[in-house]
Amino acid sequence: HVDAFYPQPEVAAKIAVASRTDLAERGQRVSDRVPLLAAGDLVVLGGMPPQQAYPLACKRYFDEGTLAEKDAFLNLMILDPREAQLHAGLCVQGKWTWLR
């Protein structure tokens, strides 16, 4: 699974499609289905800094069965609207890893 967050939705969509395409061209199985959380989870996560929210969301995806043991979820995002650099993180088996 691959998802992207960018302040402009059309840019986020292009980033996600380009990332999925690159992974598929490298032989990886890729889904455009994005895991979802309950509204209550989103309320809690929305009040947290991204550096804490993404790891907690990852744990919740796995605990709730939204992501199975064999699934991986790649997130590309802007953490601070004042910066232009994309950050990336990977969620596997409920464990979040920031990628450099």
C-alpha atoms as a PDB file:
ATOM      1  CA  HIS A   1       0.000   0.000   0.000  1.00  0.00           C
ATOM      2  CA  VAL A   2       1.240   3.497  -0.805  1.00  0.00           C
ATOM      3  CA  ASP A   3      -0.172   6.860   0.216  1.00  0.00           C
ATOM      4  CA  ALA A   4       1.070  10.436   0.110  1.00  0.00           C
ATOM      5  CA  PHE A   5       0.203  13.604   1.986  1.00  0.00           C
ATOM      6  CA  TYR A   6       0.937  16.979   0.447  1.00  0.00           C
ATOM      7  CA  PRO A   7      -0.959  20.234   1.058  1.00  0.00           C
ATOM      8  CA  GLN A   8      -2.267  20.257  -2.543  1.00  0.00           C
ATOM      9  CA  PRO A   9      -4.332  17.076  -3.143  1.00  0.00           C
ATOM     10  CA  GLU A  10      -3.481  16.897  -6.851  1.00  0.00           C
ATOM     11  CA  VAL A  11       0.252  16.896  -6.010  1.00  0.00           C
ATOM     12  CA  ALA A  12      -0.299  14.220  -3.346  1.00  0.00           C
ATOM     13  CA  ALA A  13      -2.091  12.051  -5.919  1.00  0.00           C
ATOM     14  CA  LYS A  14       0.785  12.420  -8.397  1.00  0.00           C
ATOM     15  CA  ILE A  15       3.357  11.525  -5.727  1.00  0.00           C
ATOM     16  CA  ALA A  16       1.383   8.413  -4.742  1.00  0.00           C
ATOM     17  CA  VAL A  17       0.902   7.270  -8.360  1.00  0.00           C
ATOM     18  CA  ALA A  18       4.583   7.821  -9.198  1.00  0.00           C
ATOM     19  CA  SER A  19       5.637   5.871  -6.102  1.00  0.00           C
ATOM     20  CA  ARG A  20       3.279   2.970  -6.855  1.00  0.00           C
ATOM     21  CA  THR A  21       4.450   2.896 -10.478  1.00  0.00           C
ATOM     22  CA  ASP A  22       8.113   2.828  -9.449  1.00  0.00           C
ATOM     23  CA  LEU A  23       7.530  -0.012  -6.980  1.00  0.00           C
ATOM     24  CA  ALA A  24       5.515  -2.000  -9.549  1.00  0.00           C
ATOM     25  CA  GLU A  25       8.263  -1.546 -12.153  1.00  0.00           C
ATOM     26  CA  ARG A  26      10.700  -2.985  -9.591  1.00  0.00           C
ATOM     27  CA  GLY A  27       8.555  -6.117  -9.326  1.00  0.00           C
ATOM     28  CA  GLN A  28       6.724  -5.302  -6.092  1.00  0.00           C
ATOM     29  CA  ARG A  29       3.014  -6.010  -5.675  1.00  0.00           C
ATOM     30  CA  VAL A  30       1.327  -2.670  -5.060  1.00  0.00           C
ATOM     31  CA  SER A  31      -2.202  -1.770  -4.015  1.00  0.00           C
ATOM     32  CA  ASP A  32      -3.892   1.594  -4.340  1.00  0.00           C
ATOM     33  CA  ARG A  33      -6.136   0.700  -1.384  1.00  0.00           C
ATOM     34  CA  VAL A  34      -5.249   2.876   1.588  1.00  0.00           C
ATOM     35  CA  PRO A  35      -5.812   1.413   5.076  1.00  0.00           C
ATOM     36  CA  LEU A  36      -8.466   3.238   7.086  1.00  0.00           C
ATOM     37  CA  LEU A  37      -8.888   3.910  10.794  1.00  0.00           C
ATOM     38  CA  ALA A  38     -11.985   4.598  12.879  1.00  0.00           C
ATOM     39  CA  ALA A  39     -13.118   8.196  13.348  1.00  0.00           C
ATOM     40  CA  GLY A  40     -12.101   8.109  17.020  1.00  0.00           C
ATOM     41  CA  ASP A  41      -8.570   7.104  16.062  1.00  0.00           C
ATOM     42  CA  LEU A  42      -8.396   9.978  13.593  1.00  0.00           C
ATOM     43  CA  VAL A  43      -9.516  12.485  16.229  1.00  0.00           C
ATOM     44  CA  VAL A  44      -6.769  11.348  18.610  1.00  0.00           C
ATOM     45  CA  LEU A  45      -4.092  11.159  15.908  1.00  0.00           C
ATOM     46  CA  GLY A  46      -5.063  14.560  14.498  1.00  0.00           C
ATOM     47  CA  GLY A  47      -4.139  16.205  17.787  1.00  0.00           C
ATOM     48  CA  MET A  48      -0.655  14.679  17.871  1.00  0.00           C
ATOM     49  CA  PRO A  49       2.562  15.786  16.172  1.00  0.00           C
ATOM     50  CA  PRO A  50       3.211  13.732  13.011  1.00  0.00           C
ATOM     51  CA  GLN A  51       6.348  12.183  14.514  1.00  0.00           C
ATOM     52  CA  GLN A  52       4.106  10.519  17.125  1.00  0.00           C
ATOM     53  CA  ALA A  53       0.925  10.109  15.072  1.00  0.00           C
ATOM     54  CA  TYR A  54       2.377   8.014  12.238  1.00  0.00           C
ATOM     55  CA  PRO A  55       3.896   5.318  14.501  1.00  0.00           C
ATOM     56  CA  LEU A  56       0.671   5.116  16.522  1.00  0.00           C
ATOM     57  CA  ALA A  57      -1.448   4.911  13.360  1.00  0.00           C
ATOM     58  CA  CYS A  58       0.788   2.086  12.147  1.00  0.00           C
ATOM     59  CA  LYS A  59       0.216   0.153  15.363  1.00  0.00           C
ATOM     60  CA  ARG A  60      -3.545   0.731  15.117  1.00  0.00           C
ATOM     61  CA  TYR A  61      -3.647  -0.471  11.474  1.00  0.00           C
ATOM     62  CA  PHE A  62      -2.059  -3.744  12.543  1.00  0.00           C
ATOM     63  CA  ASP A  63      -4.015  -4.131  15.809  1.00  0.00           C
ATOM     64  CA  GLU A  64      -7.329  -3.561  14.003  1.00  0.00           C
ATOM     65  CA  GLY A  65      -6.452  -5.957  11.178  1.00  0.00           C
ATOM     66  CA  THR A  66      -6.468  -3.263   8.502  1.00  0.00           C
ATOM     67  CA  LEU A  67      -2.932  -4.353   7.614  1.00  0.00           C
ATOM     68  CA  ALA A  68      -2.079  -8.051   7.718  1.00  0.00           C
ATOM     69  CA  GLU A  69       1.299  -9.528   8.649  1.00  0.00           C
ATOM     70  CA  LYS A  70       2.333  -9.750   5.004  1.00  0.00           C
ATOM     71  CA  ASP A  71       1.315  -6.149   4.211  1.00  0.00           C
ATOM     72  CA  ALA A  72       3.543  -3.085   4.104  1.00  0.00           C
ATOM     73  CA  PHE A  73       2.333   0.512   3.973  1.00  0.00           C
ATOM     74  CA  LEU A  74       4.613   3.211   2.544  1.00  0.00           C
ATOM     75  CA  ASN A  75       3.729   6.784   3.479  1.00  0.00           C
ATOM     76  CA  LEU A  76       5.232   9.855   1.825  1.00  0.00           C
ATOM     77  CA  MET A  77       4.455  13.146   3.513  1.00  0.00           C
ATOM     78  CA  ILE A  78       5.273  16.755   4.293  1.00  0.00           C
ATOM     79  CA  LEU A  79       5.728  17.018   8.067  1.00  0.00           C
ATOM     80  CA  ASP A  80       5.983  20.805   8.221  1.00  0.00           C
ATOM     81  CA  PRO A  81       4.155  23.025   5.713  1.00  0.00           C
ATOM     82  CA  ARG A  82       7.132  25.399   5.698  1.00  0.00           C
ATOM     83  CA  GLU A  83       9.452  22.794   4.191  1.00  0.00           C
ATOM     84  CA  ALA A  84       9.524  21.303   0.713  1.00  0.00           C
ATOM     85  CA  GLN A  85      11.249  18.011   1.546  1.00  0.00           C
ATOM     86  CA  LEU A  86       9.177  14.845   1.491  1.00  0.00           C
ATOM     87  CA  HIS A  87       9.597  12.412   4.360  1.00  0.00           C
ATOM     88  CA  ALA A  88       8.883   8.697   4.123  1.00  0.00           C
ATOM     89  CA  GLY A  89       7.925   6.016   6.575  1.00  0.00           C
ATOM     90  CA  LEU A  90       7.142   2.337   6.334  1.00  0.00           C
ATOM     91  CA  CYS A  91       4.613   0.418   8.419  1.00  0.00           C
ATOM     92  CA  VAL A  92       5.181  -3.352   8.665  1.00  0.00           C
ATOM     93  CA  GLN A  93       3.552  -5.624  11.268  1.00  0.00           C
ATOM     94  CA  GLY A  94       2.574  -2.650  13.424  1.00  0.00           C
ATOM     95  CA  LYS A  95       6.101  -1.231  13.536  1.00  0.00           C
ATOM     96  CA  TRP A  96       6.848   2.185  12.044  1.00  0.00           C
ATOM     97  CA  THR A  97      10.232   3.021  10.530  1.00  0.00           C
ATOM     98  CA  TRP A  98      11.193   6.474   9.281  1.00  0.00           C
ATOM     99  CA  LEU A  99      13.116   6.134   6.012  1.00  0.00           C
ATOM    100  CA  ARG A 100      15.980   8.430   5.089  1.00  0.00           C
END
